[in-house]
Every structure is written in structure tokens, then in C-alpha cells.
Amino acid sequence: MTNVKLIKFRFKPGAKRIWINWSEELKHRNSEVVETLKNEGVISESCFISEDGESIYYFMEAEDFEKTRKAVANSIYLIDADHKKARESSLEFVAKLECLFHFENRTSHFNS
């Protein structure tokens, strides 16, 4: 069973475009993103913008968030430094939301 997090951030005044631009850039750097996710032990990561456009919701799924935290803190990847810079310049933490349930339906299918 994996662990999940959902965190709410709000945009700092006048900084929404920084995060929107960074989100678009991440899509173009997909191979770098996947490499760092593997290094961090992150299974999936998603970012959603609120309906009013004032906040984002950041979802992460990992086996061990302590391992993930350590990997991020010691990262040698440029994209991680860029991500931190974009996050710190554009977002303010609001809350870590409580997970009421999380189900998985993942099975491996191998042809023999």
C-alpha cells in the first residue's frame, strides 16, 4: 500500500504566472521529472488548480515519504532546484489535507 499526500497552496500576490509557466515547462522536461521521481521513490505526482484560480492542490504518492524528503533535500538534479525556486517564489502553504481514504487497484500483468 502506498502513502498519499494532498497539500493546498495559494498563489503569492502577483506570482501566479510563475507557477503556471513552471507547470508548462515541467511537461516539456518529462524525462527529467520521471528520473527525479524514481530517485525520490515517488510513484505519482499531480498538481491541480482550484476552480477560482487562486490556489493549487498538490498530490503525491510514495512508498515512504521520509525517504522522499531525504532524497529531495540531497538532490543533485537541476530540475529539483528549479522546482524549489518556482515553488518558493510563487506559492504559500495553506494546509495539508487529511486523507479519509485511498484505494489502489494496481496489478502487474506479465506474459509468460
C-alpha atoms as a PDB file:
ATOM      1  CA  MET A   1       0.000   0.000   0.000  1.00  0.00           C
ATOM      2  CA  THR A   2       1.321   3.423  -0.880  1.00  0.00           C
ATOM      3  CA  ASN A   3       1.058   6.634   1.095  1.00  0.00           C
ATOM      4  CA  VAL A   4      -0.540   9.774  -0.319  1.00  0.00           C
ATOM      5  CA  LYS A   5      -0.472  13.490   0.425  1.00  0.00           C
ATOM      6  CA  LEU A   6      -2.637  16.350  -0.746  1.00  0.00           C
ATOM      7  CA  ILE A   7      -1.414  19.837   0.027  1.00  0.00           C
ATOM      8  CA  LYS A   8      -3.126  23.126  -0.679  1.00  0.00           C
ATOM      9  CA  PHE A   9      -1.113  26.197  -1.651  1.00  0.00           C
ATOM     10  CA  ARG A  10      -2.268  29.672  -2.610  1.00  0.00           C
ATOM     11  CA  PHE A  11      -0.510  31.915  -5.064  1.00  0.00           C
ATOM     12  CA  LYS A  12       1.615  34.704  -3.662  1.00  0.00           C
ATOM     13  CA  PRO A  13       0.394  38.121  -4.827  1.00  0.00           C
ATOM     14  CA  GLY A  14       1.320  38.663  -8.470  1.00  0.00           C
ATOM     15  CA  ALA A  15       3.126  35.300  -8.738  1.00  0.00           C
ATOM     16  CA  LYS A  16       0.510  33.026 -10.324  1.00  0.00           C
ATOM     17  CA  ARG A  17       2.118  33.246 -13.783  1.00  0.00           C
ATOM     18  CA  ILE A  18       5.437  31.940 -12.361  1.00  0.00           C
ATOM     19  CA  TRP A  19       3.802  28.676 -11.288  1.00  0.00           C
ATOM     20  CA  ILE A  20       1.686  28.341 -14.435  1.00  0.00           C
ATOM     21  CA  ASN A  21       4.784  28.803 -16.606  1.00  0.00           C
ATOM     22  CA  TRP A  22       6.726  26.306 -14.485  1.00  0.00           C
ATOM     23  CA  SER A  23       3.910  23.771 -14.789  1.00  0.00           C
ATOM     24  CA  GLU A  24       4.099  24.080 -18.577  1.00  0.00           C
ATOM     25  CA  GLU A  25       7.886  23.736 -18.531  1.00  0.00           C
ATOM     26  CA  LEU A  26       7.648  20.527 -16.491  1.00  0.00           C
ATOM     27  CA  LYS A  27       5.588  18.964 -19.282  1.00  0.00           C
ATOM     28  CA  HIS A  28       8.484  19.607 -21.685  1.00  0.00           C
ATOM     29  CA  ARG A  29      11.032  18.151 -19.249  1.00  0.00           C
ATOM     30  CA  ASN A  30       9.163  14.898 -18.726  1.00  0.00           C
ATOM     31  CA  SER A  31      12.244  12.633 -18.790  1.00  0.00           C
ATOM     32  CA  GLU A  32      13.925  14.746 -16.076  1.00  0.00           C
ATOM     33  CA  VAL A  33      10.737  14.687 -13.995  1.00  0.00           C
ATOM     34  CA  VAL A  34      10.464  10.903 -14.199  1.00  0.00           C
ATOM     35  CA  GLU A  35      14.151  10.490 -13.315  1.00  0.00           C
ATOM     36  CA  THR A  36      13.769  12.565 -10.154  1.00  0.00           C
ATOM     37  CA  LEU A  37      10.524  10.830  -9.195  1.00  0.00           C
ATOM     38  CA  LYS A  38      12.345   7.495  -9.394  1.00  0.00           C
ATOM     39  CA  ASN A  39      15.196   8.877  -7.290  1.00  0.00           C
ATOM     40  CA  GLU A  40      12.740  10.147  -4.677  1.00  0.00           C
ATOM     41  CA  GLY A  41      10.633   6.995  -4.600  1.00  0.00           C
ATOM     42  CA  VAL A  42       7.593   8.940  -5.772  1.00  0.00           C
ATOM     43  CA  ILE A  43       5.041   6.857  -7.648  1.00  0.00           C
ATOM     44  CA  SER A  44       2.873   9.700  -8.869  1.00  0.00           C
ATOM     45  CA  GLU A  45       2.666  13.457  -8.538  1.00  0.00           C
ATOM     46  CA  SER A  46      -0.094  15.774  -9.773  1.00  0.00           C
ATOM     47  CA  CYS A  47      -0.949  19.450  -9.482  1.00  0.00           C
ATOM     48  CA  PHE A  48      -4.455  20.861  -9.815  1.00  0.00           C
ATOM     49  CA  ILE A  49      -5.606  24.465  -9.943  1.00  0.00           C
ATOM     50  CA  SER A  50      -8.728  25.406  -7.991  1.00  0.00           C
ATOM     51  CA  GLU A  51     -11.892  26.413  -9.791  1.00  0.00           C
ATOM     52  CA  ASP A  52     -11.433  30.034  -8.680  1.00  0.00           C
ATOM     53  CA  GLY A  53      -7.826  30.020  -9.944  1.00  0.00           C
ATOM     54  CA  GLU A  54      -6.438  31.245  -6.629  1.00  0.00           C
ATOM     55  CA  SER A  55      -4.998  28.004  -5.236  1.00  0.00           C
ATOM     56  CA  ILE A  56      -3.391  24.755  -6.270  1.00  0.00           C
ATOM     57  CA  TYR A  57      -3.716  21.275  -4.845  1.00  0.00           C
ATOM     58  CA  TYR A  58      -0.571  19.171  -4.944  1.00  0.00           C
ATOM     59  CA  PHE A  59      -0.958  15.379  -4.822  1.00  0.00           C
ATOM     60  CA  MET A  60       1.892  12.946  -4.193  1.00  0.00           C
ATOM     61  CA  GLU A  61       2.003   9.187  -3.837  1.00  0.00           C
ATOM     62  CA  ALA A  62       5.040   7.349  -2.482  1.00  0.00           C
ATOM     63  CA  GLU A  63       6.027   4.240  -0.591  1.00  0.00           C
ATOM     64  CA  ASP A  64       7.963   6.178   2.073  1.00  0.00           C
ATOM     65  CA  PHE A  65       7.698   9.963   2.414  1.00  0.00           C
ATOM     66  CA  GLU A  66      10.683  10.111   4.771  1.00  0.00           C
ATOM     67  CA  LYS A  67      12.842   8.584   2.026  1.00  0.00           C
ATOM     68  CA  THR A  68      11.321  11.064  -0.407  1.00  0.00           C
ATOM     69  CA  ARG A  69      12.073  14.008   1.884  1.00  0.00           C
ATOM     70  CA  LYS A  70      15.718  12.932   2.261  1.00  0.00           C
ATOM     71  CA  ALA A  71      16.141  12.429  -1.485  1.00  0.00           C
ATOM     72  CA  VAL A  72      14.749  15.900  -2.201  1.00  0.00           C
ATOM     73  CA  ALA A  73      16.963  17.500   0.456  1.00  0.00           C
ATOM     74  CA  ASN A  74      20.076  15.860  -1.039  1.00  0.00           C
ATOM     75  CA  SER A  75      19.104  16.124  -4.690  1.00  0.00           C
ATOM     76  CA  ILE A  76      21.772  16.759  -7.301  1.00  0.00           C
ATOM     77  CA  TYR A  77      19.220  17.298 -10.092  1.00  0.00           C
ATOM     78  CA  LEU A  78      18.939  20.776 -11.600  1.00  0.00           C
ATOM     79  CA  ILE A  79      15.202  20.341 -12.121  1.00  0.00           C
ATOM     80  CA  ASP A  80      14.722  19.906  -8.353  1.00  0.00           C
ATOM     81  CA  ALA A  81      16.480  23.219  -7.697  1.00  0.00           C
ATOM     82  CA  ASP A  82      14.376  24.883 -10.399  1.00  0.00           C
ATOM     83  CA  HIS A  83      11.206  23.369  -8.897  1.00  0.00           C
ATOM     84  CA  LYS A  84      12.063  24.646  -5.426  1.00  0.00           C
ATOM     85  CA  LYS A  85      12.771  28.124  -6.790  1.00  0.00           C
ATOM     86  CA  ALA A  86       9.450  28.249  -8.663  1.00  0.00           C
ATOM     87  CA  ARG A  87       7.540  26.926  -5.644  1.00  0.00           C
ATOM     88  CA  GLU A  88       9.133  29.309  -3.145  1.00  0.00           C
ATOM     89  CA  SER A  89       8.696  32.348  -5.381  1.00  0.00           C
ATOM     90  CA  SER A  90       5.068  31.694  -6.281  1.00  0.00           C
ATOM     91  CA  LEU A  91       3.299  29.599  -3.624  1.00  0.00           C
ATOM     92  CA  GLU A  92       2.323  29.910   0.036  1.00  0.00           C
ATOM     93  CA  PHE A  93       1.464  26.812   2.065  1.00  0.00           C
ATOM     94  CA  VAL A  94      -2.165  26.694   3.196  1.00  0.00           C
ATOM     95  CA  ALA A  95      -2.785  23.203   4.568  1.00  0.00           C
ATOM     96  CA  LYS A  96      -2.007  19.520   4.349  1.00  0.00           C
ATOM     97  CA  LEU A  97      -5.371  17.891   3.797  1.00  0.00           C
ATOM     98  CA  GLU A  98      -6.317  14.781   5.730  1.00  0.00           C
ATOM     99  CA  CYS A  99      -6.776  11.653   3.633  1.00  0.00           C
ATOM    100  CA  LEU A 100     -10.028   9.915   4.511  1.00  0.00           C
ATOM    101  CA  PHE A 101      -9.413   7.017   2.154  1.00  0.00           C
ATOM    102  CA  HIS A 102      -7.103   5.887  -0.620  1.00  0.00           C
ATOM    103  CA  PHE A 103      -7.670   2.713  -2.595  1.00  0.00           C
ATOM    104  CA  GLU A 104      -5.472   1.081  -5.168  1.00  0.00           C
ATOM    105  CA  ASN A 105      -6.280  -1.285  -7.971  1.00  0.00           C
ATOM    106  CA  ARG A 106      -2.868  -1.989  -9.425  1.00  0.00           C
ATOM    107  CA  THR A 107      -1.861  -5.344 -10.674  1.00  0.00           C
ATOM    108  CA  SER A 108       1.094  -6.379 -12.748  1.00  0.00           C
ATOM    109  CA  HIS A 109       0.341  -8.301 -15.880  1.00  0.00           C
ATOM    110  CA  PHE A 110       3.166 -10.369 -17.280  1.00  0.00           C
ATOM    111  CA  ASN A 111       3.047 -12.584 -20.310  1.00  0.00           C
ATOM    112  CA  SER A 112       4.909 -15.813 -19.803  1.00  0.00           C
END
